[in-house]
Amino acid sequence: MTKIIHSTPAETKYSFSARKGNVYLVGCGLGEVELLTLKAYRIIKDAQVVLYDNLISKEILDLIPPETRKIYVGKPKNSHSISQERINTLIADYADQGFSVARLKSGDPYIFGRGAEEALYLLEKGYRVDVIAGISSCVSGSACAGIPPTARGYAASFSVVSAHLKEGKVNTDWFPLLQLSNHTTVVLMGLSLARQIKSAALSLGINRNLPVAIVSNASRPEQKSIITTLAGLDKAAKCVEGPAVIVFGEVVNFYGKLPQYQSQLLEVK
């Protein structure tokens, strides 16, 4: 028997206070202002309090009006300046005062952005929360370099993985994906682990000539692309700075054939 399930608005599951300000978890995409959604743009301009991290581009931060209260809550690698719990309470504290609060997140809030954690925390405490989707680098990072995640005859599917797990542990579960044919694997937060990724992949017998692309700062003026192979991954990773996506698969061979946003190209063998 088929059961029809109707969507249930958050308003029917939680009790909200009219005195509390609204909270917006805003996906800011890749960093290029023109790639923001219209809704994200409007909220950035209208919010009374904005919390942002180190991955939000200067161009997007420049959209915030001078009178808006801006709070940096960045957590750069190996130097977490503020805990996630503190970020949650900061958002709640300002919303309690009746302010509209925008939490700016790179990419999409729900793709390795801890957006679900923040949304649940706030909803359970009675705040109204709106989540604004953003363009994620897992889909469009490689596209900025003219590399499509899927293409007929090259990849009928693609996977998105994080190289890091909770508490800084290295994620190794995804390495068998590199053995799949007609498939693309996109790795986020893997730049600093390039040597470990290379070693683990080679130990599994994965072709050392598997095409690999590293695209850093996608859509931004400092975007840089490196086209290499699995064998050259660790050397290539030393030539760029994050944030970056690492793309494994035959789709990398599209590089140079399709439109791209690009300022520099390095080729590392």
C-alpha atoms as a PDB file:
ATOM      1  CA  MET A   1       0.000   0.000   0.000  1.00  0.00           C
ATOM      2  CA  THR A   2       1.262   3.451  -0.884  1.00  0.00           C
ATOM      3  CA  LYS A   3       1.148   6.058   1.848  1.00  0.00           C
ATOM      4  CA  ILE A   4       0.846   9.701   0.878  1.00  0.00           C
ATOM      5  CA  ILE A   5       2.755  11.996   3.187  1.00  0.00           C
ATOM      6  CA  HIS A   6       1.929  15.688   3.122  1.00  0.00           C
ATOM      7  CA  SER A   7       4.669  18.181   3.871  1.00  0.00           C
ATOM      8  CA  THR A   8       4.522  19.616   7.377  1.00  0.00           C
ATOM      9  CA  PRO A   9       5.613  23.245   7.891  1.00  0.00           C
ATOM     10  CA  ALA A  10       8.019  23.877  10.754  1.00  0.00           C
ATOM     11  CA  GLU A  11       5.398  26.192  12.283  1.00  0.00           C
ATOM     12  CA  THR A  12       3.184  23.209  13.136  1.00  0.00           C
ATOM     13  CA  LYS A  13       5.978  21.406  14.992  1.00  0.00           C
ATOM     14  CA  TYR A  14       7.418  24.202  17.105  1.00  0.00           C
ATOM     15  CA  SER A  15       6.049  27.017  19.242  1.00  0.00           C
ATOM     16  CA  PHE A  16       7.464  30.439  18.365  1.00  0.00           C
ATOM     17  CA  SER A  17       7.616  33.684  20.308  1.00  0.00           C
ATOM     18  CA  ALA A  18       6.450  36.795  18.478  1.00  0.00           C
ATOM     19  CA  ARG A  19       8.939  38.851  20.474  1.00  0.00           C
ATOM     20  CA  LYS A  20      11.964  37.039  19.115  1.00  0.00           C
ATOM     21  CA  GLY A  21      13.683  38.212  15.964  1.00  0.00           C
ATOM     22  CA  ASN A  22      13.810  36.049  12.862  1.00  0.00           C
ATOM     23  CA  VAL A  23      16.966  34.072  12.071  1.00  0.00           C
ATOM     24  CA  TYR A  24      18.235  33.395   8.551  1.00  0.00           C
ATOM     25  CA  LEU A  25      20.864  30.803   7.672  1.00  0.00           C
ATOM     26  CA  VAL A  26      22.079  32.267   4.391  1.00  0.00           C
ATOM     27  CA  GLY A  27      23.952  30.251   1.789  1.00  0.00           C
ATOM     28  CA  CYS A  28      26.420  32.667   0.180  1.00  0.00           C
ATOM     29  CA  GLY A  29      27.540  30.335  -2.576  1.00  0.00           C
ATOM     30  CA  LEU A  30      30.998  30.376  -4.093  1.00  0.00           C
ATOM     31  CA  GLY A  31      31.864  33.975  -3.293  1.00  0.00           C
ATOM     32  CA  GLU A  32      30.889  35.816  -6.468  1.00  0.00           C
ATOM     33  CA  VAL A  33      28.206  38.380  -5.611  1.00  0.00           C
ATOM     34  CA  GLU A  34      26.223  37.784  -8.801  1.00  0.00           C
ATOM     35  CA  LEU A  35      25.869  34.094  -7.883  1.00  0.00           C
ATOM     36  CA  LEU A  36      23.879  34.958  -4.748  1.00  0.00           C
ATOM     37  CA  THR A  37      20.169  34.235  -4.876  1.00  0.00           C
ATOM     38  CA  LEU A  38      17.916  37.284  -4.835  1.00  0.00           C
ATOM     39  CA  LYS A  39      16.629  36.236  -1.424  1.00  0.00           C
ATOM     40  CA  ALA A  40      20.147  35.933   0.016  1.00  0.00           C
ATOM     41  CA  TYR A  41      21.026  39.364  -1.378  1.00  0.00           C
ATOM     42  CA  ARG A  42      17.924  40.934   0.172  1.00  0.00           C
ATOM     43  CA  ILE A  43      18.517  39.405   3.593  1.00  0.00           C
ATOM     44  CA  ILE A  44      22.183  40.463   3.646  1.00  0.00           C
ATOM     45  CA  LYS A  45      21.061  44.029   2.933  1.00  0.00           C
ATOM     46  CA  ASP A  46      18.163  44.032   5.421  1.00  0.00           C
ATOM     47  CA  ALA A  47      19.389  42.046   8.443  1.00  0.00           C
ATOM     48  CA  GLN A  48      20.172  44.004  11.592  1.00  0.00           C
ATOM     49  CA  VAL A  49      22.878  41.602  12.807  1.00  0.00           C
ATOM     50  CA  VAL A  50      25.176  39.549  10.576  1.00  0.00           C
ATOM     51  CA  LEU A  51      27.437  36.717  11.727  1.00  0.00           C
ATOM     52  CA  TYR A  52      30.038  35.633   9.176  1.00  0.00           C
ATOM     53  CA  ASP A  53      33.083  33.397   8.926  1.00  0.00           C
ATOM     54  CA  ASN A  54      36.438  33.466   7.166  1.00  0.00           C
ATOM     55  CA  LEU A  55      35.149  31.882   3.927  1.00  0.00           C
ATOM     56  CA  ILE A  56      32.737  34.709   3.092  1.00  0.00           C
ATOM     57  CA  SER A  57      34.241  36.808   0.304  1.00  0.00           C
ATOM     58  CA  LYS A  58      35.070  40.482   0.755  1.00  0.00           C
ATOM     59  CA  GLU A  59      32.743  41.310  -2.142  1.00  0.00           C
ATOM     60  CA  ILE A  60      29.787  39.811  -0.268  1.00  0.00           C
ATOM     61  CA  LEU A  61      30.790  41.405   3.029  1.00  0.00           C
ATOM     62  CA  ASP A  62      30.867  44.764   1.255  1.00  0.00           C
ATOM     63  CA  LEU A  63      27.127  44.384   0.633  1.00  0.00           C
ATOM     64  CA  ILE A  64      26.410  44.665   4.361  1.00  0.00           C
ATOM     65  CA  PRO A  65      25.242  48.211   5.209  1.00  0.00           C
ATOM     66  CA  PRO A  66      27.555  50.202   7.513  1.00  0.00           C
ATOM     67  CA  GLU A  67      24.897  50.444  10.229  1.00  0.00           C
ATOM     68  CA  THR A  68      24.488  46.657  10.459  1.00  0.00           C
ATOM     69  CA  ARG A  69      26.167  44.987  13.417  1.00  0.00           C
ATOM     70  CA  LYS A  70      28.807  42.592  12.007  1.00  0.00           C
ATOM     71  CA  ILE A  71      30.255  39.758  14.082  1.00  0.00           C
ATOM     72  CA  TYR A  72      33.110  37.552  12.925  1.00  0.00           C
ATOM     73  CA  VAL A  73      32.685  33.919  13.975  1.00  0.00           C
ATOM     74  CA  GLY A  74      35.281  32.329  11.721  1.00  0.00           C
ATOM     75  CA  LYS A  75      36.793  28.946  12.423  1.00  0.00           C
ATOM     76  CA  PRO A  76      39.917  28.778  10.242  1.00  0.00           C
ATOM     77  CA  LYS A  77      41.724  25.458  10.046  1.00  0.00           C
ATOM     78  CA  ASN A  78      43.806  24.673  13.164  1.00  0.00           C
ATOM     79  CA  SER A  79      42.714  27.949  14.779  1.00  0.00           C
ATOM     80  CA  HIS A  80      39.091  27.755  15.853  1.00  0.00           C
ATOM     81  CA  SER A  81      38.420  31.197  17.287  1.00  0.00           C
ATOM     82  CA  ILE A  82      34.907  30.392  18.482  1.00  0.00           C
ATOM     83  CA  SER A  83      33.032  27.190  19.238  1.00  0.00           C
ATOM     84  CA  GLN A  84      29.866  26.078  17.473  1.00  0.00           C
ATOM     85  CA  GLU A  85      28.037  26.221  20.803  1.00  0.00           C
ATOM     86  CA  ARG A  86      29.055  29.858  21.230  1.00  0.00           C
ATOM     87  CA  ILE A  87      27.862  30.677  17.714  1.00  0.00           C
ATOM     88  CA  ASN A  88      24.495  29.125  18.525  1.00  0.00           C
ATOM     89  CA  THR A  89      24.108  31.189  21.687  1.00  0.00           C
ATOM     90  CA  LEU A  90      25.222  34.397  19.950  1.00  0.00           C
ATOM     91  CA  ILE A  91      22.519  33.981  17.333  1.00  0.00           C
ATOM     92  CA  ALA A  92      19.964  33.286  20.039  1.00  0.00           C
ATOM     93  CA  ASP A  93      21.071  36.237  22.176  1.00  0.00           C
ATOM     94  CA  TYR A  94      20.580  38.738  19.361  1.00  0.00           C
ATOM     95  CA  ALA A  95      17.279  37.177  18.276  1.00  0.00           C
ATOM     96  CA  ASP A  96      16.094  37.421  21.897  1.00  0.00           C
ATOM     97  CA  GLN A  97      16.577  41.183  21.644  1.00  0.00           C
ATOM     98  CA  GLY A  98      14.228  41.283  18.654  1.00  0.00           C
ATOM     99  CA  PHE A  99      16.913  41.714  15.989  1.00  0.00           C
ATOM    100  CA  SER A 100      16.697  39.995  12.615  1.00  0.00           C
ATOM    101  CA  VAL A 101      19.855  37.863  12.463  1.00  0.00           C
ATOM    102  CA  ALA A 102      21.602  36.564   9.338  1.00  0.00           C
ATOM    103  CA  ARG A 103      24.156  33.794   9.710  1.00  0.00           C
ATOM    104  CA  LEU A 104      26.215  33.839   6.509  1.00  0.00           C
ATOM    105  CA  LYS A 105      27.589  30.508   5.350  1.00  0.00           C
ATOM    106  CA  SER A 106      29.843  29.715   2.431  1.00  0.00           C
ATOM    107  CA  GLY A 107      28.208  27.476  -0.175  1.00  0.00           C
ATOM    108  CA  ASP A 108      24.969  25.906   1.021  1.00  0.00           C
ATOM    109  CA  PRO A 109      24.085  25.775   4.743  1.00  0.00           C
ATOM    110  CA  TYR A 110      23.175  22.091   4.578  1.00  0.00           C
ATOM    111  CA  ILE A 111      26.224  20.823   2.669  1.00  0.00           C
ATOM    112  CA  PHE A 112      28.994  20.372   5.239  1.00  0.00           C
ATOM    113  CA  GLY A 113      27.986  23.733   6.702  1.00  0.00           C
ATOM    114  CA  ARG A 114      26.569  22.611  10.073  1.00  0.00           C
ATOM    115  CA  GLY A 115      23.350  24.345   9.099  1.00  0.00           C
ATOM    116  CA  ALA A 116      21.218  21.473  10.358  1.00  0.00           C
ATOM    117  CA  GLU A 117      22.794  21.728  13.814  1.00  0.00           C
ATOM    118  CA  GLU A 118      22.140  25.451  14.030  1.00  0.00           C
ATOM    119  CA  ALA A 119      18.600  25.195  12.690  1.00  0.00           C
ATOM    120  CA  LEU A 120      17.620  22.438  15.143  1.00  0.00           C
ATOM    121  CA  TYR A 121      19.112  24.301  18.089  1.00  0.00           C
ATOM    122  CA  LEU A 122      17.202  27.461  17.240  1.00  0.00           C
ATOM    123  CA  LEU A 123      13.914  25.787  16.373  1.00  0.00           C
ATOM    124  CA  GLU A 124      13.902  23.805  19.599  1.00  0.00           C
ATOM    125  CA  LYS A 125      14.292  27.064  21.522  1.00  0.00           C
ATOM    126  CA  GLY A 126      11.386  28.739  19.761  1.00  0.00           C
ATOM    127  CA  TYR A 127      13.061  30.900  17.109  1.00  0.00           C
ATOM    128  CA  ARG A 128      11.772  31.304  13.585  1.00  0.00           C
ATOM    129  CA  VAL A 129      14.423  30.059  11.174  1.00  0.00           C
ATOM    130  CA  ASP A 130      14.605  30.395   7.406  1.00  0.00           C
ATOM    131  CA  VAL A 131      17.288  28.496   5.484  1.00  0.00           C
ATOM    132  CA  ILE A 132      18.344  30.069   2.187  1.00  0.00           C
ATOM    133  CA  ALA A 133      19.984  27.671  -0.240  1.00  0.00           C
ATOM    134  CA  GLY A 134      23.283  28.610  -1.842  1.00  0.00           C
ATOM    135  CA  ILE A 135      25.383  27.324  -4.719  1.00  0.00           C
ATOM    136  CA  SER A 136      27.769  24.716  -3.352  1.00  0.00           C
ATOM    137  CA  SER A 137      31.336  24.305  -4.580  1.00  0.00           C
ATOM    138  CA  CYS A 138      30.715  20.561  -4.707  1.00  0.00           C
ATOM    139  CA  VAL A 139      28.613  21.147  -7.817  1.00  0.00           C
ATOM    140  CA  SER A 140      29.819  24.418  -9.272  1.00  0.00           C
ATOM    141  CA  GLY A 141      33.432  24.638  -8.101  1.00  0.00           C
ATOM    142  CA  SER A 142      34.632  22.397 -10.885  1.00  0.00           C
ATOM    143  CA  ALA A 143      32.188  23.993 -13.339  1.00  0.00           C
ATOM    144  CA  CYS A 144      34.002  27.302 -12.867  1.00  0.00           C
ATOM    145  CA  ALA A 145      37.037  25.567 -14.333  1.00  0.00           C
ATOM    146  CA  GLY A 146      35.052  24.117 -17.234  1.00  0.00           C
ATOM    147  CA  ILE A 147      34.774  20.655 -15.685  1.00  0.00           C
ATOM    148  CA  PRO A 148      31.222  19.238 -15.432  1.00  0.00           C
ATOM    149  CA  PRO A 149      30.602  16.747 -12.592  1.00  0.00           C
ATOM    150  CA  THR A 150      28.546  14.609 -14.987  1.00  0.00           C
ATOM    151  CA  ALA A 151      28.682  14.213 -18.751  1.00  0.00           C
ATOM    152  CA  ARG A 152      27.401  11.499 -21.039  1.00  0.00           C
ATOM    153  CA  GLY A 153      30.137   8.982 -21.767  1.00  0.00           C
ATOM    154  CA  TYR A 154      32.316  10.295 -18.936  1.00  0.00           C
ATOM    155  CA  ALA A 155      30.297  10.178 -15.705  1.00  0.00           C
ATOM    156  CA  ALA A 156      26.717   9.066 -15.129  1.00  0.00           C
ATOM    157  CA  SER A 157      26.917   9.886 -11.425  1.00  0.00           C
ATOM    158  CA  PHE A 158      28.989  11.807  -8.931  1.00  0.00           C
ATOM    159  CA  SER A 159      29.696  11.672  -5.219  1.00  0.00           C
ATOM    160  CA  VAL A 160      30.447  14.470  -2.804  1.00  0.00           C
ATOM    161  CA  VAL A 161      32.549  13.689   0.252  1.00  0.00           C
ATOM    162  CA  SER A 162      34.343  15.521   3.020  1.00  0.00           C
ATOM    163  CA  ALA A 163      37.926  14.529   3.753  1.00  0.00           C
ATOM    164  CA  HIS A 164      37.375  15.457   7.401  1.00  0.00           C
ATOM    165  CA  LEU A 165      35.133  13.926  10.029  1.00  0.00           C
ATOM    166  CA  LYS A 166      34.051  15.208  13.436  1.00  0.00           C
ATOM    167  CA  GLU A 167      36.856  16.154  15.834  1.00  0.00           C
ATOM    168  CA  GLY A 168      39.383  16.452  13.021  1.00  0.00           C
ATOM    169  CA  LYS A 169      39.443  12.773  12.094  1.00  0.00           C
ATOM    170  CA  VAL A 170      40.330  11.836   8.517  1.00  0.00           C
ATOM    171  CA  ASN A 171      37.539  10.306   6.434  1.00  0.00           C
ATOM    172  CA  THR A 172      38.745   7.169   4.639  1.00  0.00           C
ATOM    173  CA  ASP A 173      35.404   5.553   3.800  1.00  0.00           C
ATOM    174  CA  TRP A 174      35.133   7.127   0.352  1.00  0.00           C
ATOM    175  CA  PHE A 175      38.336   5.824  -1.258  1.00  0.00           C
ATOM    176  CA  PRO A 176      36.593   2.864  -3.009  1.00  0.00           C
ATOM    177  CA  LEU A 177      34.600   5.453  -4.997  1.00  0.00           C
ATOM    178  CA  LEU A 178      37.769   6.147  -6.965  1.00  0.00           C
ATOM    179  CA  GLN A 179      37.584   2.611  -8.338  1.00  0.00           C
ATOM    180  CA  LEU A 180      34.203   3.202  -9.948  1.00  0.00           C
ATOM    181  CA  SER A 181      34.052   3.724 -13.685  1.00  0.00           C
ATOM    182  CA  ASN A 182      31.799   6.351 -15.278  1.00  0.00           C
ATOM    183  CA  HIS A 183      31.845   8.243 -11.986  1.00  0.00           C
ATOM    184  CA  THR A 184      33.142  11.533 -10.566  1.00  0.00           C
ATOM    185  CA  THR A 185      34.235  12.043  -6.969  1.00  0.00           C
ATOM    186  CA  VAL A 186      34.320  15.586  -5.576  1.00  0.00           C
ATOM    187  CA  VAL A 187      36.252  16.039  -2.338  1.00  0.00           C
ATOM    188  CA  LEU A 188      35.746  19.022  -0.049  1.00  0.00           C
ATOM    189  CA  MET A 189      38.206  20.053   2.667  1.00  0.00           C
ATOM    190  CA  GLY A 190      40.854  17.720   1.314  1.00  0.00           C
ATOM    191  CA  LEU A 191      43.637  20.059   0.249  1.00  0.00           C
ATOM    192  CA  SER A 192      45.715  19.650   3.404  1.00  0.00           C
ATOM    193  CA  LEU A 193      45.264  15.863   3.246  1.00  0.00           C
ATOM    194  CA  ALA A 194      46.445  15.439  -0.343  1.00  0.00           C
ATOM    195  CA  ARG A 195      49.427  13.278   0.598  1.00  0.00           C
ATOM    196  CA  GLN A 196      47.299  10.912   2.694  1.00  0.00           C
ATOM    197  CA  ILE A 197      44.659  10.716  -0.032  1.00  0.00           C
ATOM    198  CA  LYS A 198      47.258   9.863  -2.656  1.00  0.00           C
ATOM    199  CA  SER A 199      48.909   7.181  -0.511  1.00  0.00           C
ATOM    200  CA  ALA A 200      45.630   5.528   0.453  1.00  0.00           C
ATOM    201  CA  ALA A 201      44.338   5.521  -3.121  1.00  0.00           C
ATOM    202  CA  LEU A 202      47.527   4.028  -4.527  1.00  0.00           C
ATOM    203  CA  SER A 203      47.531   1.351  -1.817  1.00  0.00           C
ATOM    204  CA  LEU A 204      44.083   0.292  -3.060  1.00  0.00           C
ATOM    205  CA  GLY A 205      45.494  -0.197  -6.536  1.00  0.00           C
ATOM    206  CA  ILE A 206      43.799   2.828  -8.059  1.00  0.00           C
ATOM    207  CA  ASN A 207      45.316   3.953 -11.361  1.00  0.00           C
ATOM    208  CA  ARG A 208      48.075   6.456 -10.653  1.00  0.00           C
ATOM    209  CA  ASN A 209      47.126   8.215 -13.901  1.00  0.00           C
ATOM    210  CA  LEU A 210      43.541   8.874 -12.782  1.00  0.00           C
ATOM    211  CA  PRO A 211      42.779  12.474 -13.872  1.00  0.00           C
ATOM    212  CA  VAL A 212      42.555  14.966 -11.009  1.00  0.00           C
ATOM    213  CA  ALA A 213      41.713  18.657 -10.885  1.00  0.00           C
ATOM    214  CA  ILE A 214      42.129  21.053  -7.988  1.00  0.00           C
ATOM    215  CA  VAL A 215      40.067  24.228  -8.195  1.00  0.00           C
ATOM    216  CA  SER A 216      40.712  26.823  -5.510  1.00  0.00           C
ATOM    217  CA  ASN A 217      38.728  29.993  -4.797  1.00  0.00           C
ATOM    218  CA  ALA A 218      36.190  29.138  -7.476  1.00  0.00           C
ATOM    219  CA  SER A 219      34.424  32.166  -9.016  1.00  0.00           C
ATOM    220  CA  ARG A 220      36.697  34.630  -7.224  1.00  0.00           C
ATOM    221  CA  PRO A 221      39.353  36.822  -8.868  1.00  0.00           C
ATOM    222  CA  GLU A 222      42.090  34.633  -7.380  1.00  0.00           C
ATOM    223  CA  GLN A 223      40.631  31.395  -8.775  1.00  0.00           C
ATOM    224  CA  LYS A 224      43.310  28.923  -9.742  1.00  0.00           C
ATOM    225  CA  SER A 225      43.072  25.496 -11.383  1.00  0.00           C
ATOM    226  CA  ILE A 226      45.598  22.679 -11.413  1.00  0.00           C
ATOM    227  CA  ILE A 227      45.222  19.728 -13.754  1.00  0.00           C
ATOM    228  CA  THR A 228      47.189  16.689 -12.672  1.00  0.00           C
ATOM    229  CA  THR A 229      46.873  12.967 -11.889  1.00  0.00           C
ATOM    230  CA  LEU A 230      46.557  10.931  -8.730  1.00  0.00           C
ATOM    231  CA  ALA A 231      50.330  10.461  -8.759  1.00  0.00           C
ATOM    232  CA  GLY A 232      50.887  14.227  -8.754  1.00  0.00           C
ATOM    233  CA  LEU A 233      48.159  15.135  -6.270  1.00  0.00           C
ATOM    234  CA  ASP A 234      50.351  15.928  -3.282  1.00  0.00           C
ATOM    235  CA  LYS A 235      52.741  18.056  -5.320  1.00  0.00           C
ATOM    236  CA  ALA A 236      49.869  19.917  -6.968  1.00  0.00           C
ATOM    237  CA  ALA A 237      48.172  20.655  -3.648  1.00  0.00           C
ATOM    238  CA  LYS A 238      51.201  22.649  -2.519  1.00  0.00           C
ATOM    239  CA  CYS A 239      50.663  25.135  -5.368  1.00  0.00           C
ATOM    240  CA  VAL A 240      47.298  26.485  -4.208  1.00  0.00           C
ATOM    241  CA  GLU A 241      45.550  27.810  -1.134  1.00  0.00           C
ATOM    242  CA  GLY A 242      42.098  26.883   0.114  1.00  0.00           C
ATOM    243  CA  PRO A 243      39.223  26.802  -0.056  1.00  0.00           C
ATOM    244  CA  ALA A 244      39.449  24.234  -2.822  1.00  0.00           C
ATOM    245  CA  VAL A 245      37.673  21.244  -4.303  1.00  0.00           C
ATOM    246  CA  ILE A 246      39.479  18.174  -5.593  1.00  0.00           C
ATOM    247  CA  VAL A 247      37.834  16.421  -8.537  1.00  0.00           C
ATOM    248  CA  PHE A 248      38.657  12.824  -9.508  1.00  0.00           C
ATOM    249  CA  GLY A 249      37.487  11.252 -12.754  1.00  0.00           C
ATOM    250  CA  GLU A 250      37.507  11.306 -16.522  1.00  0.00           C
ATOM    251  CA  VAL A 251      35.438  14.505 -16.569  1.00  0.00           C
ATOM    252  CA  VAL A 252      38.678  16.334 -15.779  1.00  0.00           C
ATOM    253  CA  ASN A 253      39.557  15.779 -19.442  1.00  0.00           C
ATOM    254  CA  PHE A 254      36.932  18.373 -20.330  1.00  0.00           C
ATOM    255  CA  TYR A 255      39.299  21.034 -19.078  1.00  0.00           C
ATOM    256  CA  GLY A 256      40.023  23.533 -21.856  1.00  0.00           C
ATOM    257  CA  LYS A 257      37.016  22.485 -23.933  1.00  0.00           C
ATOM    258  CA  LEU A 258      34.176  24.179 -22.042  1.00  0.00           C
ATOM    259  CA  PRO A 259      33.590  27.761 -20.820  1.00  0.00           C
ATOM    260  CA  GLN A 260      35.237  28.600 -17.540  1.00  0.00           C
ATOM    261  CA  TYR A 261      35.857  31.345 -15.067  1.00  0.00           C
ATOM    262  CA  GLN A 262      39.603  31.327 -14.680  1.00  0.00           C
ATOM    263  CA  SER A 263      42.536  33.596 -14.071  1.00  0.00           C
ATOM    264  CA  GLN A 264      45.435  31.142 -13.838  1.00  0.00           C
ATOM    265  CA  LEU A 265      46.279  27.586 -14.873  1.00  0.00           C
ATOM    266  CA  LEU A 266      49.051  25.402 -13.552  1.00  0.00           C
ATOM    267  CA  GLU A 267      49.775  21.939 -14.895  1.00  0.00           C
ATOM    268  CA  VAL A 268      51.565  19.563 -12.546  1.00  0.00           C
ATOM    269  CA  LYS A 269      52.622  16.157 -13.803  1.00  0.00           C
END
